[in-house]
Amino acid sequence: MLRYGGDPAGWGTAMIGTRRAQPWVCSAGALLTVLTLGTPSWGQDSDAQVQPRVELSLRSWVFTAGETQWSHDASGLNPMLGDPTSELKYKDNDTHLVGLGAKVHLNRRLFLEGEFGLSVDFDRGSLIDDDYLAGQRLFSRTSSGITGKGTWYFNGNVGYRAAELPNGYGHLDLLGGFQYWRTTYEAAGIDRVVCDSSVITCGPTSSIFPAIKNTAHWITPLQIGGQLEYRIVRRVSAHVKMLFSPASIVYNEDIHFQRSDLEQDPSFSMWGVGFSATVEPTIKIMLTRHLALVGGYRVMWSRSYYGRWEVHGLGTGSETAPLTEFQTLRHGATVALTASF
């Protein structure tokens, strides 16, 4: 039974056997501002709502809150184990992301858009690792501090102007595209919050040694949705963008550095299929004919509904069990400077 749980320190021999943005971010912001001062608009209309050919954005996802959690059921491999057998939760991971976006209008109704973002600091939060026996008897809980690595994503969509509101008050766009989202956590130290000595050996805790490295990949080959814009006044408009996929793919690798009974590349692996969604309401203010300030709030969420978990024992081969849950969530305020040409 030793091999089936997530305890980062191992179960012994008993019964269960950096924070500042990169220089290119500042350079990109300056470039956007300079370009917009001298670039003519598309057409002669001076109205702030004239459709541009190209839009470039410098974006910031400000102090987002993020978490990842997963669990598996190894009770089919050993009936003495619980369902779920182990639950790991990376929580309170607050970080700041920066990115670039682009939108190209091919004609009056058809356009392409894309975005790339990455974290600039990633050293906050904690990992809670719970292990259960049958009847959901908690016999081990450990806590580790998140010390590093990061998250990044990119996406792209094809858009179509499906409807326009009367008198130029707004429009509805239909979207279809893809997204890739990767998050890596590194956790150090092992603090035993719960340890049942009748079940496992309760070894000493450590505050410095590396404990776990977890890397999750969410691949969304097709997402669909839309974006609605409504003009409040001449230079201020409200937007809401929503994207959804019923078939996102997750692949995850987990390395437990203090588990001498497990392989180290990786110790556990898992894959699954699930839902994903992104929702972002925003307010756009035209500062000039070519420069806009955009602020809002974004939620990115993915959760599996089917998957398999695999343990890689050291010299003993691998065994599989159901992956009962894998979920990744990140949300926070957004701000962007958008230049149109």
C-alpha atoms as a PDB file:
ATOM      1  CA  MET A   1       0.000   0.000   0.000  1.00  0.00           C
ATOM      2  CA  LEU A   2       3.010   2.288   0.452  1.00  0.00           C
ATOM      3  CA  ARG A   3       3.119   3.228  -3.185  1.00  0.00           C
ATOM      4  CA  TYR A   4      -0.501   4.300  -3.723  1.00  0.00           C
ATOM      5  CA  GLY A   5      -0.664   7.483  -1.624  1.00  0.00           C
ATOM      6  CA  GLY A   6       0.632  10.955  -2.219  1.00  0.00           C
ATOM      7  CA  ASP A   7       2.512  11.493   1.076  1.00  0.00           C
ATOM      8  CA  PRO A   8       5.617  13.404  -0.106  1.00  0.00           C
ATOM      9  CA  ALA A   9       7.824  11.943   2.622  1.00  0.00           C
ATOM     10  CA  GLY A  10       6.840   8.321   2.132  1.00  0.00           C
ATOM     11  CA  TRP A  11       4.885   6.103   4.505  1.00  0.00           C
ATOM     12  CA  GLY A  12       7.818   4.434   6.220  1.00  0.00           C
ATOM     13  CA  THR A  13       8.027   0.756   6.994  1.00  0.00           C
ATOM     14  CA  ALA A  14       4.813   0.337   8.982  1.00  0.00           C
ATOM     15  CA  MET A  15       1.594  -1.209   7.858  1.00  0.00           C
ATOM     16  CA  ILE A  16       1.133   0.896   4.733  1.00  0.00           C
ATOM     17  CA  GLY A  17       4.561   0.212   4.338  1.00  0.00           C
ATOM     18  CA  THR A  18      11.275  37.027  -9.993  1.00  0.00           C
ATOM     19  CA  ARG A  19       8.878  39.497  -9.217  1.00  0.00           C
ATOM     20  CA  ARG A  20       9.627  42.223 -11.569  1.00  0.00           C
ATOM     21  CA  ALA A  21       8.378  42.315 -15.140  1.00  0.00           C
ATOM     22  CA  GLN A  22      10.825  41.581 -17.926  1.00  0.00           C
ATOM     23  CA  PRO A  23      12.407  44.551 -19.777  1.00  0.00           C
ATOM     24  CA  TRP A  24      10.500  43.678 -22.946  1.00  0.00           C
ATOM     25  CA  VAL A  25       7.226  44.473 -21.181  1.00  0.00           C
ATOM     26  CA  CYS A  26       8.204  48.110 -20.649  1.00  0.00           C
ATOM     27  CA  SER A  27       9.609  48.334 -24.172  1.00  0.00           C
ATOM     28  CA  ALA A  28       6.410  46.960 -25.662  1.00  0.00           C
ATOM     29  CA  GLY A  29       4.315  49.511 -23.767  1.00  0.00           C
ATOM     30  CA  ALA A  30       6.470  52.384 -24.998  1.00  0.00           C
ATOM     31  CA  LEU A  31       6.327  51.072 -28.566  1.00  0.00           C
ATOM     32  CA  LEU A  32       2.519  50.895 -28.499  1.00  0.00           C
ATOM     33  CA  THR A  33       2.279  54.481 -27.296  1.00  0.00           C
ATOM     34  CA  VAL A  34       4.729  55.836 -29.903  1.00  0.00           C
ATOM     35  CA  LEU A  35       3.067  54.001 -32.775  1.00  0.00           C
ATOM     36  CA  THR A  36      -0.413  55.217 -31.929  1.00  0.00           C
ATOM     37  CA  LEU A  37       0.626  58.877 -31.908  1.00  0.00           C
ATOM     38  CA  GLY A  38       1.380  58.932 -35.607  1.00  0.00           C
ATOM     39  CA  THR A  39      -0.721  56.180 -37.157  1.00  0.00           C
ATOM     40  CA  PRO A  40      -3.740  57.173 -39.255  1.00  0.00           C
ATOM     41  CA  SER A  41      -7.071  55.470 -38.632  1.00  0.00           C
ATOM     42  CA  TRP A  42      -8.699  53.026 -41.052  1.00  0.00           C
ATOM     43  CA  GLY A  43     -10.938  55.350 -43.014  1.00  0.00           C
ATOM     44  CA  GLN A  44     -11.652  59.037 -42.542  1.00  0.00           C
ATOM     45  CA  ASP A  45     -14.389  58.784 -39.892  1.00  0.00           C
ATOM     46  CA  SER A  46     -13.210  60.385 -36.641  1.00  0.00           C
ATOM     47  CA  ASP A  47     -15.652  58.407 -34.470  1.00  0.00           C
ATOM     48  CA  ALA A  48     -13.995  56.350 -31.724  1.00  0.00           C
ATOM     49  CA  GLN A  49     -15.881  53.234 -32.879  1.00  0.00           C
ATOM     50  CA  VAL A  50     -14.382  53.077 -36.390  1.00  0.00           C
ATOM     51  CA  GLN A  51     -13.142  49.544 -36.889  1.00  0.00           C
ATOM     52  CA  PRO A  52      -9.327  49.282 -37.051  1.00  0.00           C
ATOM     53  CA  ARG A  53      -7.343  46.877 -39.184  1.00  0.00           C
ATOM     54  CA  VAL A  54      -4.990  45.752 -36.437  1.00  0.00           C
ATOM     55  CA  GLU A  55      -5.116  45.911 -32.630  1.00  0.00           C
ATOM     56  CA  LEU A  56      -2.105  45.231 -30.418  1.00  0.00           C
ATOM     57  CA  SER A  57      -2.399  44.948 -26.636  1.00  0.00           C
ATOM     58  CA  LEU A  58      -0.039  44.989 -23.692  1.00  0.00           C
ATOM     59  CA  ARG A  59      -1.897  43.108 -20.972  1.00  0.00           C
ATOM     60  CA  SER A  60      -1.570  42.461 -17.270  1.00  0.00           C
ATOM     61  CA  TRP A  61      -3.495  39.933 -15.220  1.00  0.00           C
ATOM     62  CA  VAL A  62      -3.053  41.550 -11.818  1.00  0.00           C
ATOM     63  CA  PHE A  63      -2.331  39.447  -8.703  1.00  0.00           C
ATOM     64  CA  THR A  64      -4.367  36.467  -9.797  1.00  0.00           C
ATOM     65  CA  ALA A  65      -5.460  33.788  -7.341  1.00  0.00           C
ATOM     66  CA  GLY A  66      -4.801  30.248  -8.502  1.00  0.00           C
ATOM     67  CA  GLU A  67      -5.160  26.671  -7.366  1.00  0.00           C
ATOM     68  CA  THR A  68      -4.795  23.144  -8.694  1.00  0.00           C
ATOM     69  CA  GLN A  69      -6.174  20.021  -7.038  1.00  0.00           C
ATOM     70  CA  TRP A  70      -6.300  16.381  -7.964  1.00  0.00           C
ATOM     71  CA  SER A  71      -7.248  13.067  -6.391  1.00  0.00           C
ATOM     72  CA  HIS A  72      -7.292   9.381  -7.293  1.00  0.00           C
ATOM     73  CA  ASP A  73      -8.972   6.167  -6.156  1.00  0.00           C
ATOM     74  CA  ALA A  74      -6.595   3.247  -5.560  1.00  0.00           C
ATOM     75  CA  SER A  75      -9.112   1.226  -3.524  1.00  0.00           C
ATOM     76  CA  GLY A  76      -9.449  -1.144  -6.469  1.00  0.00           C
ATOM     77  CA  LEU A  77      -5.753  -1.996  -6.062  1.00  0.00           C
ATOM     78  CA  ASN A  78      -5.992  -2.363  -2.285  1.00  0.00           C
ATOM     79  CA  PRO A  79      -9.397  -2.506  -0.516  1.00  0.00           C
ATOM     80  CA  MET A  80      -7.865  -1.066   2.678  1.00  0.00           C
ATOM     81  CA  LEU A  81      -7.476   2.305   0.934  1.00  0.00           C
ATOM     82  CA  GLY A  82     -10.076   5.060   0.733  1.00  0.00           C
ATOM     83  CA  ASP A  83     -11.960   6.562  -2.199  1.00  0.00           C
ATOM     84  CA  PRO A  84     -10.366   8.934  -2.880  1.00  0.00           C
ATOM     85  CA  THR A  85      -7.077   7.525  -1.675  1.00  0.00           C
ATOM     86  CA  SER A  86      -5.095  10.728  -1.898  1.00  0.00           C
ATOM     87  CA  GLU A  87      -5.966  14.404  -2.445  1.00  0.00           C
ATOM     88  CA  LEU A  88      -3.410  17.086  -3.286  1.00  0.00           C
ATOM     89  CA  LYS A  89      -4.317  20.759  -3.364  1.00  0.00           C
ATOM     90  CA  TYR A  90      -2.044  23.617  -4.408  1.00  0.00           C
ATOM     91  CA  LYS A  91      -3.800  26.705  -3.057  1.00  0.00           C
ATOM     92  CA  ASP A  92      -3.428  30.434  -2.339  1.00  0.00           C
ATOM     93  CA  ASN A  93      -1.022  30.792  -5.240  1.00  0.00           C
ATOM     94  CA  ASP A  94      -1.257  34.531  -5.942  1.00  0.00           C
ATOM     95  CA  THR A  95       0.799  35.718  -8.882  1.00  0.00           C
ATOM     96  CA  HIS A  96       0.979  38.456 -11.502  1.00  0.00           C
ATOM     97  CA  LEU A  97       0.878  37.658 -15.231  1.00  0.00           C
ATOM     98  CA  VAL A  98       1.843  39.849 -18.178  1.00  0.00           C
ATOM     99  CA  GLY A  99       1.203  39.227 -21.833  1.00  0.00           C
ATOM    100  CA  LEU A 100       0.708  40.410 -25.380  1.00  0.00           C
ATOM    101  CA  GLY A 101      -2.393  40.222 -27.554  1.00  0.00           C
ATOM    102  CA  ALA A 102      -3.140  40.838 -31.216  1.00  0.00           C
ATOM    103  CA  LYS A 103      -6.268  41.087 -33.353  1.00  0.00           C
ATOM    104  CA  VAL A 104      -6.313  41.318 -37.162  1.00  0.00           C
ATOM    105  CA  HIS A 105      -9.486  42.139 -39.098  1.00  0.00           C
ATOM    106  CA  LEU A 106      -9.491  40.316 -42.420  1.00  0.00           C
ATOM    107  CA  ASN A 107     -12.635  42.113 -43.568  1.00  0.00           C
ATOM    108  CA  ARG A 108     -15.663  43.802 -42.042  1.00  0.00           C
ATOM    109  CA  ARG A 109     -16.912  40.597 -40.361  1.00  0.00           C
ATOM    110  CA  LEU A 110     -13.992  38.155 -40.134  1.00  0.00           C
ATOM    111  CA  PHE A 111     -10.995  38.474 -37.821  1.00  0.00           C
ATOM    112  CA  LEU A 112      -8.195  36.544 -36.104  1.00  0.00           C
ATOM    113  CA  GLU A 113      -7.068  37.080 -32.521  1.00  0.00           C
ATOM    114  CA  GLY A 114      -4.416  35.620 -30.237  1.00  0.00           C
ATOM    115  CA  GLU A 115      -2.895  36.096 -26.792  1.00  0.00           C
ATOM    116  CA  PHE A 116       0.152  34.964 -24.846  1.00  0.00           C
ATOM    117  CA  GLY A 117       0.695  35.404 -21.112  1.00  0.00           C
ATOM    118  CA  LEU A 118       3.149  34.254 -18.442  1.00  0.00           C
ATOM    119  CA  SER A 119       3.722  34.726 -14.725  1.00  0.00           C
ATOM    120  CA  VAL A 120       6.457  37.011 -13.432  1.00  0.00           C
ATOM    121  CA  ASP A 121       6.524  35.681  -9.867  1.00  0.00           C
ATOM    122  CA  PHE A 122       5.350  32.355  -8.486  1.00  0.00           C
ATOM    123  CA  ASP A 123       6.514  31.809  -4.933  1.00  0.00           C
ATOM    124  CA  ARG A 124       3.391  32.060  -2.801  1.00  0.00           C
ATOM    125  CA  GLY A 125       0.892  29.505  -1.561  1.00  0.00           C
ATOM    126  CA  SER A 126       0.925  26.033  -0.060  1.00  0.00           C
ATOM    127  CA  LEU A 127       0.401  22.367  -0.900  1.00  0.00           C
ATOM    128  CA  ILE A 128      -1.889  20.243   1.274  1.00  0.00           C
ATOM    129  CA  ASP A 129      -1.565  16.468   0.778  1.00  0.00           C
ATOM    130  CA  ASP A 130      -4.189  14.207   2.401  1.00  0.00           C
ATOM    131  CA  ASP A 131      -4.191  10.372   2.447  1.00  0.00           C
ATOM    132  CA  TYR A 132      -7.145   8.165   3.437  1.00  0.00           C
ATOM    133  CA  LEU A 133      -7.938   4.602   4.456  1.00  0.00           C
ATOM    134  CA  ALA A 134     -11.256   2.874   3.743  1.00  0.00           C
ATOM    135  CA  GLY A 135     -14.177   4.740   5.265  1.00  0.00           C
ATOM    136  CA  GLN A 136     -12.278   7.978   4.522  1.00  0.00           C
ATOM    137  CA  ARG A 137     -10.171   7.734   7.650  1.00  0.00           C
ATOM    138  CA  LEU A 138      -7.558  10.469   7.350  1.00  0.00           C
ATOM    139  CA  PHE A 139      -4.237   9.049   8.475  1.00  0.00           C
ATOM    140  CA  SER A 140      -1.818  11.561   6.939  1.00  0.00           C
ATOM    141  CA  ARG A 141      -1.868  15.264   6.130  1.00  0.00           C
ATOM    142  CA  THR A 142       1.235  17.204   5.178  1.00  0.00           C
ATOM    143  CA  SER A 143       1.757  20.841   4.275  1.00  0.00           C
ATOM    144  CA  SER A 144       4.513  22.283   2.075  1.00  0.00           C
ATOM    145  CA  GLY A 145       5.259  25.810   0.900  1.00  0.00           C
ATOM    146  CA  ILE A 146       5.189  26.667  -2.808  1.00  0.00           C
ATOM    147  CA  THR A 147       8.614  28.001  -3.692  1.00  0.00           C
ATOM    148  CA  GLY A 148       8.682  28.532  -7.432  1.00  0.00           C
ATOM    149  CA  LYS A 149       8.128  27.813 -11.151  1.00  0.00           C
ATOM    150  CA  GLY A 150       5.142  29.374 -12.906  1.00  0.00           C
ATOM    151  CA  THR A 151       2.229  29.358 -15.311  1.00  0.00           C
ATOM    152  CA  TRP A 152       1.814  30.431 -18.925  1.00  0.00           C
ATOM    153  CA  TYR A 153      -0.741  30.104 -21.672  1.00  0.00           C
ATOM    154  CA  PHE A 154      -1.481  30.987 -25.280  1.00  0.00           C
ATOM    155  CA  ASN A 155      -4.661  30.920 -27.294  1.00  0.00           C
ATOM    156  CA  GLY A 156      -6.002  31.832 -30.703  1.00  0.00           C
ATOM    157  CA  ASN A 157      -9.468  32.328 -32.160  1.00  0.00           C
ATOM    158  CA  VAL A 158     -11.223  32.955 -35.430  1.00  0.00           C
ATOM    159  CA  GLY A 159     -14.039  35.472 -34.999  1.00  0.00           C
ATOM    160  CA  TYR A 160     -17.106  36.354 -37.034  1.00  0.00           C
ATOM    161  CA  ARG A 161     -19.285  39.456 -36.631  1.00  0.00           C
ATOM    162  CA  ALA A 162     -22.687  37.770 -36.334  1.00  0.00           C
ATOM    163  CA  ALA A 163     -24.911  40.721 -35.428  1.00  0.00           C
ATOM    164  CA  GLU A 164     -24.769  44.488 -34.963  1.00  0.00           C
ATOM    165  CA  LEU A 165     -26.959  46.553 -32.670  1.00  0.00           C
ATOM    166  CA  PRO A 166     -28.902  49.497 -34.153  1.00  0.00           C
ATOM    167  CA  ASN A 167     -27.230  52.903 -34.384  1.00  0.00           C
ATOM    168  CA  GLY A 168     -23.781  51.466 -33.811  1.00  0.00           C
ATOM    169  CA  TYR A 169     -24.417  50.667 -30.156  1.00  0.00           C
ATOM    170  CA  GLY A 170     -22.560  47.375 -30.249  1.00  0.00           C
ATOM    171  CA  HIS A 171     -22.165  43.974 -31.825  1.00  0.00           C
ATOM    172  CA  LEU A 172     -22.006  40.236 -31.200  1.00  0.00           C
ATOM    173  CA  ASP A 173     -19.016  38.166 -32.357  1.00  0.00           C
ATOM    174  CA  LEU A 174     -18.896  34.375 -32.551  1.00  0.00           C
ATOM    175  CA  LEU A 175     -15.542  32.772 -31.673  1.00  0.00           C
ATOM    176  CA  GLY A 176     -13.860  29.428 -32.231  1.00  0.00           C
ATOM    177  CA  GLY A 177     -10.274  28.472 -31.482  1.00  0.00           C
ATOM    178  CA  PHE A 178      -7.783  26.665 -29.228  1.00  0.00           C
ATOM    179  CA  GLN A 179      -5.880  27.132 -25.966  1.00  0.00           C
ATOM    180  CA  TYR A 180      -2.847  25.672 -24.209  1.00  0.00           C
ATOM    181  CA  TRP A 181      -2.320  26.274 -20.473  1.00  0.00           C
ATOM    182  CA  ARG A 182       0.635  24.994 -18.446  1.00  0.00           C
ATOM    183  CA  THR A 183       1.275  25.338 -14.702  1.00  0.00           C
ATOM    184  CA  THR A 184       4.271  24.041 -12.743  1.00  0.00           C
ATOM    185  CA  TYR A 185       4.477  24.084  -8.948  1.00  0.00           C
ATOM    186  CA  GLU A 186       7.570  23.425  -6.857  1.00  0.00           C
ATOM    187  CA  ALA A 187       7.013  22.828  -3.152  1.00  0.00           C
ATOM    188  CA  ALA A 188       9.588  22.518  -0.369  1.00  0.00           C
ATOM    189  CA  GLY A 189       9.448  21.416   3.224  1.00  0.00           C
ATOM    190  CA  ILE A 190       7.199  18.825   4.852  1.00  0.00           C
ATOM    191  CA  ASP A 191       5.125  19.738   7.889  1.00  0.00           C
ATOM    192  CA  ARG A 192       3.122  16.799   9.290  1.00  0.00           C
ATOM    193  CA  VAL A 193      -0.255  18.213  10.312  1.00  0.00           C
ATOM    194  CA  VAL A 194      -1.872  14.778  10.826  1.00  0.00           C
ATOM    195  CA  CYS A 195       0.015  11.515  11.274  1.00  0.00           C
ATOM    196  CA  ASP A 196      -1.521   8.281  12.561  1.00  0.00           C
ATOM    197  CA  SER A 197       1.415   6.358  14.031  1.00  0.00           C
ATOM    198  CA  SER A 198      -0.637   3.158  14.111  1.00  0.00           C
ATOM    199  CA  VAL A 199      -0.687   3.238  10.309  1.00  0.00           C
ATOM    200  CA  ILE A 200       2.549   4.887   9.181  1.00  0.00           C
ATOM    201  CA  THR A 201       5.928   5.862  10.557  1.00  0.00           C
ATOM    202  CA  CYS A 202       5.802   9.539  11.506  1.00  0.00           C
ATOM    203  CA  GLY A 203       9.248  10.705  10.511  1.00  0.00           C
ATOM    204  CA  PRO A 204      10.803  14.093  11.277  1.00  0.00           C
ATOM    205  CA  THR A 205       9.636  17.171   9.382  1.00  0.00           C
ATOM    206  CA  SER A 206      11.791  19.323   7.135  1.00  0.00           C
ATOM    207  CA  SER A 207      11.514  22.963   6.131  1.00  0.00           C
ATOM    208  CA  ILE A 208      14.163  23.171   3.407  1.00  0.00           C
ATOM    209  CA  PHE A 209      14.334  20.019   1.303  1.00  0.00           C
ATOM    210  CA  PRO A 210      12.408  19.903  -2.001  1.00  0.00           C
ATOM    211  CA  ALA A 211       9.183  17.962  -1.629  1.00  0.00           C
ATOM    212  CA  ILE A 212       7.159  17.868  -4.850  1.00  0.00           C
ATOM    213  CA  LYS A 213       7.217  19.178  -8.404  1.00  0.00           C
ATOM    214  CA  ASN A 214       3.927  19.104 -10.309  1.00  0.00           C
ATOM    215  CA  THR A 215       3.432  20.040 -13.973  1.00  0.00           C
ATOM    216  CA  ALA A 216      -0.045  20.196 -15.497  1.00  0.00           C
ATOM    217  CA  HIS A 217      -0.803  20.684 -19.199  1.00  0.00           C
ATOM    218  CA  TRP A 218      -4.322  21.639 -20.294  1.00  0.00           C
ATOM    219  CA  ILE A 219      -4.767  21.311 -24.057  1.00  0.00           C
ATOM    220  CA  THR A 220      -8.010  22.611 -25.555  1.00  0.00           C
ATOM    221  CA  PRO A 221      -8.087  21.750 -29.266  1.00  0.00           C
ATOM    222  CA  LEU A 222     -11.449  23.467 -29.804  1.00  0.00           C
ATOM    223  CA  GLN A 223     -13.187  26.132 -27.767  1.00  0.00           C
ATOM    224  CA  ILE A 224     -16.294  27.998 -28.853  1.00  0.00           C
ATOM    225  CA  GLY A 225     -18.045  31.065 -27.558  1.00  0.00           C
ATOM    226  CA  GLY A 226     -18.678  34.707 -28.237  1.00  0.00           C
ATOM    227  CA  GLN A 227     -18.094  38.302 -27.321  1.00  0.00           C
ATOM    228  CA  LEU A 228     -20.711  41.002 -26.837  1.00  0.00           C
ATOM    229  CA  GLU A 229     -19.899  44.704 -26.947  1.00  0.00           C
ATOM    230  CA  TYR A 230     -22.306  47.455 -25.910  1.00  0.00           C
ATOM    231  CA  ARG A 231     -21.388  51.137 -26.231  1.00  0.00           C
ATOM    232  CA  ILE A 232     -22.389  53.027 -23.089  1.00  0.00           C
ATOM    233  CA  VAL A 233     -21.300  56.474 -24.265  1.00  0.00           C
ATOM    234  CA  ARG A 234     -19.233  57.598 -27.240  1.00  0.00           C
ATOM    235  CA  ARG A 235     -15.841  56.554 -25.833  1.00  0.00           C
ATOM    236  CA  VAL A 236     -16.846  53.981 -23.218  1.00  0.00           C
ATOM    237  CA  SER A 237     -18.113  50.487 -23.948  1.00  0.00           C
ATOM    238  CA  ALA A 238     -18.832  47.324 -21.974  1.00  0.00           C
ATOM    239  CA  HIS A 239     -17.707  43.896 -23.179  1.00  0.00           C
ATOM    240  CA  VAL A 240     -18.134  40.322 -22.051  1.00  0.00           C
ATOM    241  CA  LYS A 241     -16.211  37.417 -23.572  1.00  0.00           C
ATOM    242  CA  MET A 242     -17.044  33.764 -22.920  1.00  0.00           C
ATOM    243  CA  LEU A 243     -15.384  30.603 -24.240  1.00  0.00           C
ATOM    244  CA  PHE A 244     -16.194  26.973 -23.441  1.00  0.00           C
ATOM    245  CA  SER A 245     -14.941  23.527 -24.373  1.00  0.00           C
ATOM    246  CA  PRO A 246     -16.517  20.155 -23.483  1.00  0.00           C
ATOM    247  CA  ALA A 247     -13.356  18.237 -24.338  1.00  0.00           C
ATOM    248  CA  SER A 248     -10.138  19.667 -22.914  1.00  0.00           C
ATOM    249  CA  ILE A 249      -7.260  17.250 -22.351  1.00  0.00           C
ATOM    250  CA  VAL A 250      -5.122  17.290 -19.225  1.00  0.00           C
ATOM    251  CA  TYR A 251      -1.762  15.583 -18.762  1.00  0.00           C
ATOM    252  CA  ASN A 252      -0.002  15.836 -15.407  1.00  0.00           C
ATOM    253  CA  GLU A 253       3.330  14.665 -13.989  1.00  0.00           C
ATOM    254  CA  ASP A 254       4.089  14.584 -10.291  1.00  0.00           C
ATOM    255  CA  ILE A 255       7.569  14.054  -8.795  1.00  0.00           C
ATOM    256  CA  HIS A 256       7.833  13.263  -5.051  1.00  0.00           C
ATOM    257  CA  PHE A 257      11.482  13.894  -4.242  1.00  0.00           C
ATOM    258  CA  GLN A 258      11.401  12.357  -0.754  1.00  0.00           C
ATOM    259  CA  ARG A 259       9.750   9.090  -1.832  1.00  0.00           C
ATOM    260  CA  SER A 260      12.542   6.517  -2.200  1.00  0.00           C
ATOM    261  CA  ASP A 261      10.002   3.858  -3.249  1.00  0.00           C
ATOM    262  CA  LEU A 262       8.988   5.780  -6.403  1.00  0.00           C
ATOM    263  CA  GLU A 263      10.591   6.732  -9.686  1.00  0.00           C
ATOM    264  CA  GLN A 264      11.629  10.372  -9.916  1.00  0.00           C
ATOM    265  CA  ASP A 265      10.718  11.253 -13.497  1.00  0.00           C
ATOM    266  CA  PRO A 266       7.850  11.072 -12.803  1.00  0.00           C
ATOM    267  CA  SER A 267       6.586   9.431  -9.608  1.00  0.00           C
ATOM    268  CA  PHE A 268       2.947   9.698 -10.672  1.00  0.00           C
ATOM    269  CA  SER A 269       1.416  10.564 -14.025  1.00  0.00           C
ATOM    270  CA  MET A 270      -2.168  11.088 -15.040  1.00  0.00           C
ATOM    271  CA  TRP A 271      -4.293  12.113 -17.977  1.00  0.00           C
ATOM    272  CA  GLY A 272      -7.920  13.026 -18.379  1.00  0.00           C
ATOM    273  CA  VAL A 273     -10.624  14.718 -20.400  1.00  0.00           C
ATOM    274  CA  GLY A 274     -12.744  17.520 -19.017  1.00  0.00           C
ATOM    275  CA  PHE A 275     -14.491  20.845 -19.366  1.00  0.00           C
ATOM    276  CA  SER A 276     -12.826  24.228 -19.648  1.00  0.00           C
ATOM    277  CA  ALA A 277     -14.187  27.763 -19.639  1.00  0.00           C
ATOM    278  CA  THR A 278     -12.960  31.345 -19.746  1.00  0.00           C
ATOM    279  CA  VAL A 279     -15.121  34.345 -18.817  1.00  0.00           C
ATOM    280  CA  GLU A 280     -13.981  37.967 -18.898  1.00  0.00           C
ATOM    281  CA  PRO A 281     -16.202  41.061 -18.521  1.00  0.00           C
ATOM    282  CA  THR A 282     -14.402  44.340 -19.304  1.00  0.00           C
ATOM    283  CA  ILE A 283     -14.866  48.102 -19.666  1.00  0.00           C
ATOM    284  CA  LYS A 284     -13.063  49.825 -22.555  1.00  0.00           C
ATOM    285  CA  ILE A 285     -12.251  53.557 -22.498  1.00  0.00           C
ATOM    286  CA  MET A 286     -10.927  55.229 -25.663  1.00  0.00           C
ATOM    287  CA  LEU A 287      -8.156  57.583 -24.532  1.00  0.00           C
ATOM    288  CA  THR A 288      -7.454  58.772 -28.082  1.00  0.00           C
ATOM    289  CA  ARG A 289      -8.567  57.715 -31.547  1.00  0.00           C
ATOM    290  CA  HIS A 290      -5.971  54.932 -31.490  1.00  0.00           C
ATOM    291  CA  LEU A 291      -5.330  54.139 -27.844  1.00  0.00           C
ATOM    292  CA  ALA A 292      -7.693  52.467 -25.342  1.00  0.00           C
ATOM    293  CA  LEU A 293      -7.508  51.458 -21.699  1.00  0.00           C
ATOM    294  CA  VAL A 294      -9.301  48.210 -20.853  1.00  0.00           C
ATOM    295  CA  GLY A 295     -10.036  46.861 -17.374  1.00  0.00           C
ATOM    296  CA  GLY A 296     -11.958  43.834 -16.207  1.00  0.00           C
ATOM    297  CA  TYR A 297     -11.922  40.505 -14.419  1.00  0.00           C
ATOM    298  CA  ARG A 298     -10.991  37.107 -15.874  1.00  0.00           C
ATOM    299  CA  VAL A 299     -11.729  33.561 -14.743  1.00  0.00           C
ATOM    300  CA  MET A 300      -9.991  30.551 -16.363  1.00  0.00           C
ATOM    301  CA  TRP A 301     -11.189  27.117 -15.192  1.00  0.00           C
ATOM    302  CA  SER A 302     -10.661  23.502 -16.246  1.00  0.00           C
ATOM    303  CA  ARG A 303     -11.920  20.291 -14.615  1.00  0.00           C
ATOM    304  CA  SER A 304     -11.715  16.651 -15.659  1.00  0.00           C
ATOM    305  CA  TYR A 305     -14.711  14.327 -15.818  1.00  0.00           C
ATOM    306  CA  TYR A 306     -12.737  11.192 -16.750  1.00  0.00           C
ATOM    307  CA  GLY A 307      -9.122  10.179 -16.331  1.00  0.00           C
ATOM    308  CA  ARG A 308      -6.529   7.618 -15.283  1.00  0.00           C
ATOM    309  CA  TRP A 309      -3.798   7.871 -12.644  1.00  0.00           C
ATOM    310  CA  GLU A 310      -0.573   5.838 -12.759  1.00  0.00           C
ATOM    311  CA  VAL A 311       2.005   5.159 -10.047  1.00  0.00           C
ATOM    312  CA  HIS A 312       5.597   4.445 -11.112  1.00  0.00           C
ATOM    313  CA  GLY A 313       7.208   2.252  -8.469  1.00  0.00           C
ATOM    314  CA  LEU A 314      10.984   2.034  -8.263  1.00  0.00           C
ATOM    315  CA  GLY A 315      11.898  -1.319  -9.777  1.00  0.00           C
ATOM    316  CA  THR A 316       8.349  -2.679  -9.349  1.00  0.00           C
ATOM    317  CA  GLY A 317       6.630  -1.463 -12.502  1.00  0.00           C
ATOM    318  CA  SER A 318       3.526   0.695 -12.825  1.00  0.00           C
ATOM    319  CA  GLU A 319      -0.110   0.322 -11.819  1.00  0.00           C
ATOM    320  CA  THR A 320      -3.139   2.394 -12.790  1.00  0.00           C
ATOM    321  CA  ALA A 321      -6.312   3.545 -11.050  1.00  0.00           C
ATOM    322  CA  PRO A 322      -9.135   6.027 -11.728  1.00  0.00           C
ATOM    323  CA  LEU A 323      -8.368   9.728 -11.579  1.00  0.00           C
ATOM    324  CA  THR A 324     -11.349  11.034  -9.607  1.00  0.00           C
ATOM    325  CA  GLU A 325     -10.656  14.760  -9.993  1.00  0.00           C
ATOM    326  CA  PHE A 326      -8.264  17.172 -11.655  1.00  0.00           C
ATOM    327  CA  GLN A 327      -9.086  20.864 -11.532  1.00  0.00           C
ATOM    328  CA  THR A 328      -7.190  24.065 -12.274  1.00  0.00           C
ATOM    329  CA  LEU A 329      -8.521  27.555 -11.555  1.00  0.00           C
ATOM    330  CA  ARG A 330      -7.088  31.057 -11.912  1.00  0.00           C
ATOM    331  CA  HIS A 331      -8.910  34.364 -11.593  1.00  0.00           C
ATOM    332  CA  GLY A 332      -8.146  38.028 -11.065  1.00  0.00           C
ATOM    333  CA  ALA A 333      -8.430  41.597 -12.308  1.00  0.00           C
ATOM    334  CA  THR A 334      -7.111  42.473 -15.771  1.00  0.00           C
ATOM    335  CA  VAL A 335      -5.848  45.705 -17.303  1.00  0.00           C
ATOM    336  CA  ALA A 336      -4.666  46.320 -20.865  1.00  0.00           C
ATOM    337  CA  LEU A 337      -3.392  49.112 -23.087  1.00  0.00           C
ATOM    338  CA  THR A 338      -4.645  48.565 -26.641  1.00  0.00           C
ATOM    339  CA  ALA A 339      -3.378  50.347 -29.742  1.00  0.00           C
ATOM    340  CA  SER A 340      -5.357  50.269 -32.997  1.00  0.00           C
ATOM    341  CA  PHE A 341      -4.050  50.982 -36.496  1.00  0.00           C
END
